[in-house]
Amino acid sequence: MARIIYSALIDSIRGSIGGTTFQKNKYGYTVKHKPNMTKPWTADQLVSQQYFRKAVTTWRELTSAQRQNWITWASTNPQYAKHNPSATLSGFACFVKWHAYAFLCSRNTVTAPALTIPDITDVTLKIVLAGGVLELQQTWPAGGEEWNVAFFMSRPFGSAQNFIGTRTRFIGWGTDVTQDLVITASYPAKFGALPALGNRIAVDYVQFMESGGAVLGKQQQIITVTAT
């Protein structure tokens, strides 16, 4: 760190330029190297990257015919980029996007995705804490297992708190049929303890086709923990 004495023409410089920071402290005006600080990745982020890389590696191992199956699917069912709605995803991008979620949910590789996208269904969710057992209860319209769903949950919030900037973590997965996901062990493993009755929890969920191809946009519900 070096001290600076300014002239009559320039009385101060503050801020950063490149890797250099100009500032004022109790010693006067100083200049120093800007620290190269990076926020460490969380365990959940590392897991997500692991499955993304696995999906990319799996694409490279496909045969030409298998890759063409996904290219055909992408042209038959145009999927649009998240940050550029006018750009359609390639067969490679569709494959990687679907398999990143599929591998996270312990699903197998799909080399020939079904060309028809099933009807989209809505889900009703409840979080029930009874007898020390925590469940994420799912109610889907009647139908077969045409969609898988990955669930991500937040830490518990009191009734007076909000969810701005809340980060959710992967908690489990299911299919589009009515079922209960027991998270008595997995929820405390992510957040340190079970929620209390009356707490609110943000639940994100992503639906993706059972037979490969389509991945729907992430949805969120804010749910109050109840006893029934």
Protein backbone atom coordinates (compact mmCIF):
# COMPACT_ATOMS: atom_id res chain seq x y z
CA MET A 1 0.00 0.00 0.00
CA ALA A 2 1.32 3.42 -0.94
CA ARG A 3 0.32 6.91 0.22
CA ILE A 4 -0.61 9.60 -2.32
CA ILE A 5 -0.19 13.39 -2.16
CA TYR A 6 -2.46 15.15 -4.67
CA SER A 7 -1.77 18.46 -6.41
CA ALA A 8 -3.93 21.56 -6.69
CA LEU A 9 -5.31 20.24 -10.01
CA ILE A 10 -6.41 16.84 -8.65
CA ASP A 11 -7.61 16.70 -5.08
CA SER A 12 -8.75 13.05 -4.91
CA ILE A 13 -9.27 9.80 -6.80
CA ARG A 14 -11.49 7.06 -5.41
CA GLY A 15 -12.56 3.70 -6.73
CA SER A 16 -10.90 0.92 -8.69
CA ILE A 17 -9.19 0.84 -12.08
CA GLY A 18 -8.16 -2.59 -13.28
CA GLY A 19 -6.40 -4.22 -10.34
CA THR A 20 -5.71 -0.96 -8.48
CA THR A 21 -7.89 0.63 -5.78
CA PHE A 22 -7.69 4.30 -4.73
CA GLN A 23 -9.20 5.12 -1.34
CA LYS A 24 -9.08 7.39 1.68
CA ASN A 25 -8.59 6.09 5.23
CA LYS A 26 -7.20 7.40 8.52
CA TYR A 27 -3.70 7.48 7.02
CA GLY A 28 -4.75 9.74 4.16
CA TYR A 29 -5.11 8.86 0.48
CA THR A 30 -3.74 5.44 -0.45
CA VAL A 31 -3.41 3.13 -3.44
CA LYS A 32 -3.25 -0.67 -3.25
CA HIS A 33 -3.83 -3.79 -5.27
CA LYS A 34 -7.49 -4.74 -5.51
CA PRO A 35 -7.97 -8.14 -3.85
CA ASN A 36 -9.11 -10.90 -6.18
CA MET A 37 -11.91 -12.29 -4.04
CA THR A 38 -14.18 -15.06 -5.26
CA LYS A 39 -17.15 -16.47 -3.40
CA PRO A 40 -16.57 -20.17 -2.77
CA TRP A 41 -19.00 -22.57 -4.41
CA THR A 42 -21.51 -24.28 -2.16
CA ALA A 43 -21.86 -28.07 -2.02
CA ASP A 44 -25.15 -27.84 -3.94
CA GLN A 45 -23.55 -25.76 -6.70
CA LEU A 46 -20.75 -28.31 -7.00
CA VAL A 47 -23.30 -31.13 -7.32
CA SER A 48 -25.19 -29.24 -10.05
CA GLN A 49 -21.95 -28.70 -11.96
CA GLN A 50 -21.11 -32.39 -11.54
CA TYR A 51 -24.33 -33.49 -13.24
CA PHE A 52 -23.99 -30.83 -15.94
CA ARG A 53 -20.50 -32.11 -16.77
CA LYS A 54 -21.78 -35.69 -16.71
CA ALA A 55 -24.46 -34.74 -19.25
CA VAL A 56 -21.87 -33.13 -21.55
CA THR A 57 -19.63 -36.20 -21.29
CA THR A 58 -22.56 -38.51 -22.03
CA TRP A 59 -23.38 -36.56 -25.21
CA ARG A 60 -19.83 -37.13 -26.45
CA GLU A 61 -20.29 -40.87 -25.93
CA LEU A 62 -23.46 -41.10 -28.04
CA THR A 63 -23.42 -42.57 -31.52
CA SER A 64 -24.11 -40.34 -34.51
CA ALA A 65 -27.59 -41.84 -34.81
CA GLN A 66 -28.36 -41.16 -31.16
CA ARG A 67 -27.23 -37.56 -31.48
CA GLN A 68 -29.42 -37.20 -34.57
CA ASN A 69 -32.41 -38.39 -32.49
CA TRP A 70 -31.93 -35.40 -30.20
CA ILE A 71 -31.30 -33.00 -33.08
CA THR A 72 -34.57 -34.18 -34.64
CA TRP A 73 -36.38 -33.75 -31.32
CA ALA A 74 -35.08 -30.18 -30.94
CA SER A 75 -36.25 -29.22 -34.44
CA THR A 76 -39.64 -30.90 -33.96
CA ASN A 77 -40.26 -29.33 -30.53
CA PRO A 78 -38.51 -25.93 -30.49
CA GLN A 79 -37.30 -24.98 -27.01
CA TYR A 80 -36.20 -21.40 -26.39
CA ALA A 81 -33.18 -20.04 -24.56
CA LYS A 82 -33.90 -18.65 -21.09
CA HIS A 83 -32.19 -15.30 -21.68
CA ASN A 84 -32.95 -15.01 -25.40
CA PRO A 85 -36.54 -16.05 -26.20
CA SER A 86 -35.91 -15.69 -29.93
CA ALA A 87 -33.11 -18.30 -29.94
CA THR A 88 -33.96 -22.01 -30.09
CA LEU A 89 -31.91 -24.65 -28.30
CA SER A 90 -29.87 -27.15 -30.31
CA GLY A 91 -30.17 -30.91 -29.91
CA PHE A 92 -27.02 -30.82 -27.79
CA ALA A 93 -28.42 -28.09 -25.52
CA CYS A 94 -31.73 -29.96 -25.08
CA PHE A 95 -29.86 -33.17 -24.27
CA VAL A 96 -27.64 -31.52 -21.67
CA LYS A 97 -30.48 -29.54 -20.06
CA TRP A 98 -32.72 -32.60 -19.72
CA HIS A 99 -29.97 -34.93 -18.52
CA ALA A 100 -28.63 -32.47 -15.93
CA TYR A 101 -31.99 -32.79 -14.16
CA ALA A 102 -32.38 -36.47 -15.00
CA PHE A 103 -29.02 -37.42 -13.48
CA LEU A 104 -29.75 -35.25 -10.42
CA CYS A 105 -32.92 -37.35 -9.98
CA SER A 106 -31.19 -40.70 -10.59
CA ARG A 107 -32.74 -41.22 -14.03
CA ASN A 108 -31.02 -43.05 -16.87
CA THR A 109 -29.70 -41.77 -20.20
CA VAL A 110 -32.31 -41.38 -22.93
CA THR A 111 -30.94 -41.79 -26.45
CA ALA A 112 -34.24 -41.63 -28.37
CA PRO A 113 -36.57 -39.00 -26.84
CA ALA A 114 -40.29 -39.26 -27.57
CA LEU A 115 -41.24 -36.74 -30.23
CA THR A 116 -44.58 -35.81 -28.63
CA ILE A 117 -44.63 -33.66 -25.49
CA PRO A 118 -47.25 -34.86 -22.95
CA ASP A 119 -49.92 -32.52 -21.64
CA ILE A 120 -48.63 -30.20 -18.92
CA THR A 121 -50.17 -30.69 -15.49
CA ASP A 122 -50.31 -28.43 -12.44
CA VAL A 123 -49.35 -29.61 -8.98
CA THR A 124 -50.72 -28.83 -5.52
CA LEU A 125 -48.20 -29.11 -2.69
CA LYS A 126 -48.43 -29.33 1.10
CA ILE A 127 -45.72 -29.56 3.74
CA VAL A 128 -46.90 -31.62 6.70
CA LEU A 129 -45.07 -32.09 10.02
CA ALA A 130 -46.74 -34.72 12.19
CA GLY A 131 -45.26 -37.08 14.77
CA GLY A 132 -41.75 -35.89 13.93
CA VAL A 133 -42.17 -36.87 10.26
CA LEU A 134 -41.82 -34.15 7.62
CA GLU A 135 -43.49 -34.77 4.26
CA LEU A 136 -43.80 -32.85 1.01
CA GLN A 137 -47.20 -34.02 -0.17
CA GLN A 138 -47.96 -33.80 -3.89
CA THR A 139 -51.34 -33.92 -5.58
CA TRP A 140 -51.35 -34.18 -9.37
CA PRO A 141 -54.27 -34.56 -11.77
CA ALA A 142 -54.99 -38.15 -12.75
CA GLY A 143 -52.59 -39.55 -15.32
CA GLY A 144 -49.54 -41.68 -15.88
CA GLU A 145 -45.94 -40.98 -15.05
CA GLU A 146 -45.26 -38.77 -18.07
CA TRP A 147 -43.35 -36.12 -16.14
CA ASN A 148 -40.63 -36.24 -13.51
CA VAL A 149 -40.34 -33.36 -11.06
CA ALA A 150 -37.29 -32.11 -9.15
CA PHE A 151 -38.00 -30.27 -5.90
CA PHE A 152 -35.89 -27.51 -4.33
CA MET A 153 -36.74 -26.04 -0.92
CA SER A 154 -35.68 -23.02 1.13
CA ARG A 155 -34.87 -22.68 4.80
CA PRO A 156 -37.93 -22.01 7.02
CA PHE A 157 -39.22 -18.46 7.43
CA GLY A 158 -41.46 -16.94 10.06
CA SER A 159 -44.79 -15.37 9.12
CA ALA A 160 -43.31 -11.83 9.19
CA GLN A 161 -40.32 -12.65 6.97
CA ASN A 162 -40.14 -12.60 3.19
CA PHE A 163 -38.46 -14.66 0.50
CA ILE A 164 -36.59 -12.00 -1.49
CA GLY A 165 -33.34 -13.52 -2.74
CA THR A 166 -34.05 -16.85 -1.06
CA ARG A 167 -31.88 -19.71 -2.31
CA THR A 168 -33.50 -23.11 -2.57
CA ARG A 169 -31.67 -26.44 -2.43
CA PHE A 170 -32.43 -29.77 -4.08
CA ILE A 171 -34.45 -31.89 -1.68
CA GLY A 172 -35.77 -34.80 -3.76
CA TRP A 173 -37.79 -35.82 -6.78
CA GLY A 174 -40.95 -37.61 -7.81
CA THR A 175 -43.32 -38.23 -10.72
CA ASP A 176 -46.61 -36.68 -11.77
CA VAL A 177 -48.81 -38.88 -9.58
CA THR A 178 -50.13 -38.28 -6.08
CA GLN A 179 -47.49 -39.27 -3.55
CA ASP A 180 -45.72 -38.15 -0.39
CA LEU A 181 -42.01 -37.34 -0.34
CA VAL A 182 -40.63 -38.02 3.15
CA ILE A 183 -37.92 -35.43 3.86
CA THR A 184 -37.47 -35.96 7.61
CA ALA A 185 -33.77 -36.67 7.11
CA SER A 186 -32.94 -34.74 3.92
CA TYR A 187 -34.38 -31.37 5.04
CA PRO A 188 -32.30 -31.09 8.27
CA ALA A 189 -29.26 -32.26 6.31
CA LYS A 190 -29.63 -29.15 4.14
CA PHE A 191 -30.80 -26.60 6.72
CA GLY A 192 -29.75 -27.91 10.15
CA ALA A 193 -33.16 -28.65 11.66
CA LEU A 194 -36.78 -29.43 10.88
CA PRO A 195 -39.10 -26.44 10.39
CA ALA A 196 -41.73 -25.59 12.97
CA LEU A 197 -45.49 -25.60 12.47
CA GLY A 198 -46.51 -22.27 10.96
CA ASN A 199 -43.16 -21.66 9.28
CA ARG A 200 -43.27 -20.88 5.58
CA ILE A 201 -41.03 -22.54 3.02
CA ALA A 202 -40.40 -21.69 -0.63
CA VAL A 203 -40.63 -24.74 -2.86
CA ASP A 204 -39.27 -24.56 -6.41
CA TYR A 205 -40.03 -27.40 -8.78
CA VAL A 206 -38.96 -28.27 -12.31
CA GLN A 207 -40.89 -30.73 -14.46
CA PHE A 208 -39.07 -32.70 -17.15
CA MET A 209 -40.37 -35.41 -19.48
CA GLU A 210 -40.09 -39.02 -18.38
CA SER A 211 -39.09 -40.06 -21.90
CA GLY A 212 -36.67 -37.20 -22.49
CA GLY A 213 -36.77 -33.85 -24.24
CA ALA A 214 -38.80 -31.10 -22.65
CA VAL A 215 -37.87 -29.28 -19.44
CA LEU A 216 -40.44 -26.81 -18.14
CA GLY A 217 -39.55 -23.54 -16.50
CA LYS A 218 -39.02 -23.47 -12.74
CA GLN A 219 -42.17 -22.80 -10.72
CA GLN A 220 -42.42 -21.70 -7.07
CA GLN A 221 -44.98 -22.07 -4.32
CA ILE A 222 -44.80 -20.56 -0.83
CA ILE A 223 -46.14 -23.16 1.61
CA THR A 224 -46.97 -22.99 5.31
CA VAL A 225 -45.99 -26.02 7.39
CA THR A 226 -49.13 -27.64 8.82
CA ALA A 227 -49.95 -30.66 10.99
CA THR A 228 -52.41 -32.20 8.54
